[in-house]
């Protein structure tokens, strides 16, 4: 299970991404996705994420990447 601080960080960035997608803010959505992806990698490297949690978050970010592959102006 994720620590509360880590969970809140990830949820905040995911909410930002979802909000930007819902409002059709393409550039901001791509930026938020990059930040979320980097955050997941950094948390993994710092040891804040267990392998199971990392895999789950990696699948989530990869899903967003597939969803947003053709999401541009």
C-alpha atoms as a PDB file:
ATOM      1  CA  UNK A   1       0.000   0.000   0.000  1.00  0.00           C
ATOM      2  CA  UNK A   2       1.176   3.487  -0.827  1.00  0.00           C
ATOM      3  CA  UNK A   3       2.115   5.947   1.864  1.00  0.00           C
ATOM      4  CA  UNK A   4      -0.385   8.750   2.264  1.00  0.00           C
ATOM      5  CA  UNK A   5       2.058  11.459   1.105  1.00  0.00           C
ATOM      6  CA  UNK A   6       2.987   9.521  -2.033  1.00  0.00           C
ATOM      7  CA  UNK A   7      -0.632   8.698  -2.784  1.00  0.00           C
ATOM      8  CA  UNK A   8      -1.649  12.346  -2.468  1.00  0.00           C
ATOM      9  CA  UNK A   9       1.146  13.455  -4.817  1.00  0.00           C
ATOM     10  CA  UNK A  10       0.125  10.948  -7.458  1.00  0.00           C
ATOM     11  CA  UNK A  11      -3.580  11.682  -7.109  1.00  0.00           C
ATOM     12  CA  UNK A  12      -2.991  15.439  -7.401  1.00  0.00           C
ATOM     13  CA  UNK A  13      -1.018  15.031 -10.630  1.00  0.00           C
ATOM     14  CA  UNK A  14      -3.561  12.523 -12.008  1.00  0.00           C
ATOM     15  CA  UNK A  15      -6.412  14.924 -11.188  1.00  0.00           C
ATOM     16  CA  UNK A  16      -4.564  17.731 -12.965  1.00  0.00           C
ATOM     17  CA  UNK A  17      -4.147  15.511 -16.009  1.00  0.00           C
ATOM     18  CA  UNK A  18      -7.802  14.449 -16.003  1.00  0.00           C
ATOM     19  CA  UNK A  19      -8.953  18.049 -15.620  1.00  0.00           C
ATOM     20  CA  UNK A  20      -6.814  19.177 -18.545  1.00  0.00           C
ATOM     21  CA  UNK A  21      -8.130  16.322 -20.691  1.00  0.00           C
ATOM     22  CA  UNK A  22     -11.728  17.124 -19.777  1.00  0.00           C
ATOM     23  CA  UNK A  23     -11.238  20.792 -20.654  1.00  0.00           C
ATOM     24  CA  UNK A  24      -9.423  19.972 -23.900  1.00  0.00           C
ATOM     25  CA  UNK A  25      -6.194  21.691 -22.780  1.00  0.00           C
ATOM     26  CA  UNK A  26      -3.921  19.576 -24.951  1.00  0.00           C
ATOM     27  CA  UNK A  27      -0.555  21.147 -24.160  1.00  0.00           C
ATOM     28  CA  UNK A  28      -1.239  21.214 -20.430  1.00  0.00           C
ATOM     29  CA  UNK A  29      -2.444  17.614 -20.532  1.00  0.00           C
ATOM     30  CA  UNK A  30       0.773  16.501 -22.230  1.00  0.00           C
ATOM     31  CA  UNK A  31       2.833  18.438 -19.683  1.00  0.00           C
ATOM     32  CA  UNK A  32       0.919  16.871 -16.795  1.00  0.00           C
ATOM     33  CA  UNK A  33       1.437  13.408 -18.277  1.00  0.00           C
ATOM     34  CA  UNK A  34       5.184  13.987 -18.576  1.00  0.00           C
ATOM     35  CA  UNK A  35       5.285  15.195 -14.974  1.00  0.00           C
ATOM     36  CA  UNK A  36       3.268  12.201 -13.773  1.00  0.00           C
ATOM     37  CA  UNK A  37       5.533   9.816 -15.666  1.00  0.00           C
ATOM     38  CA  UNK A  38       8.656  11.454 -14.216  1.00  0.00           C
ATOM     39  CA  UNK A  39       7.134  11.433 -10.729  1.00  0.00           C
ATOM     40  CA  UNK A  40       6.435   7.691 -10.905  1.00  0.00           C
ATOM     41  CA  UNK A  41      10.004   6.986 -12.033  1.00  0.00           C
ATOM     42  CA  UNK A  42      11.478   9.235  -9.347  1.00  0.00           C
ATOM     43  CA  UNK A  43       9.394   7.626  -6.608  1.00  0.00           C
ATOM     44  CA  UNK A  44      10.497   4.187  -7.820  1.00  0.00           C
ATOM     45  CA  UNK A  45      14.153   5.213  -7.833  1.00  0.00           C
ATOM     46  CA  UNK A  46      13.864   6.730  -4.345  1.00  0.00           C
ATOM     47  CA  UNK A  47      12.360   3.519  -2.989  1.00  0.00           C
ATOM     48  CA  UNK A  48       9.027   5.168  -2.165  1.00  0.00           C
ATOM     49  CA  UNK A  49       7.167   2.696  -4.411  1.00  0.00           C
ATOM     50  CA  UNK A  50       7.086  -1.041  -4.079  1.00  0.00           C
ATOM     51  CA  UNK A  51       7.336  -3.087  -7.269  1.00  0.00           C
ATOM     52  CA  UNK A  52       3.619  -3.935  -7.215  1.00  0.00           C
ATOM     53  CA  UNK A  53       2.622  -0.271  -6.865  1.00  0.00           C
ATOM     54  CA  UNK A  54       5.135   0.772  -9.506  1.00  0.00           C
ATOM     55  CA  UNK A  55       3.744  -1.769 -11.979  1.00  0.00           C
ATOM     56  CA  UNK A  56       0.202  -0.564 -11.351  1.00  0.00           C
ATOM     57  CA  UNK A  57       1.166   3.101 -11.820  1.00  0.00           C
ATOM     58  CA  UNK A  58       3.286   2.277 -14.875  1.00  0.00           C
ATOM     59  CA  UNK A  59       0.235   0.607 -16.470  1.00  0.00           C
ATOM     60  CA  UNK A  60      -1.868   3.679 -15.675  1.00  0.00           C
ATOM     61  CA  UNK A  61       0.612   6.129 -17.221  1.00  0.00           C
ATOM     62  CA  UNK A  62       1.097   3.879 -20.260  1.00  0.00           C
ATOM     63  CA  UNK A  63      -2.685   3.833 -20.682  1.00  0.00           C
ATOM     64  CA  UNK A  64      -2.749   7.624 -20.711  1.00  0.00           C
ATOM     65  CA  UNK A  65       0.094   7.637 -23.252  1.00  0.00           C
ATOM     66  CA  UNK A  66      -1.874   5.335 -25.565  1.00  0.00           C
ATOM     67  CA  UNK A  67      -5.031   7.401 -25.081  1.00  0.00           C
ATOM     68  CA  UNK A  68      -3.199  10.638 -25.846  1.00  0.00           C
ATOM     69  CA  UNK A  69      -1.055   9.353 -28.732  1.00  0.00           C
ATOM     70  CA  UNK A  70      -3.063  11.299 -31.326  1.00  0.00           C
ATOM     71  CA  UNK A  71      -4.004  14.104 -28.957  1.00  0.00           C
ATOM     72  CA  UNK A  72      -2.523  17.210 -30.566  1.00  0.00           C
ATOM     73  CA  UNK A  73      -3.546  20.368 -32.366  1.00  0.00           C
END
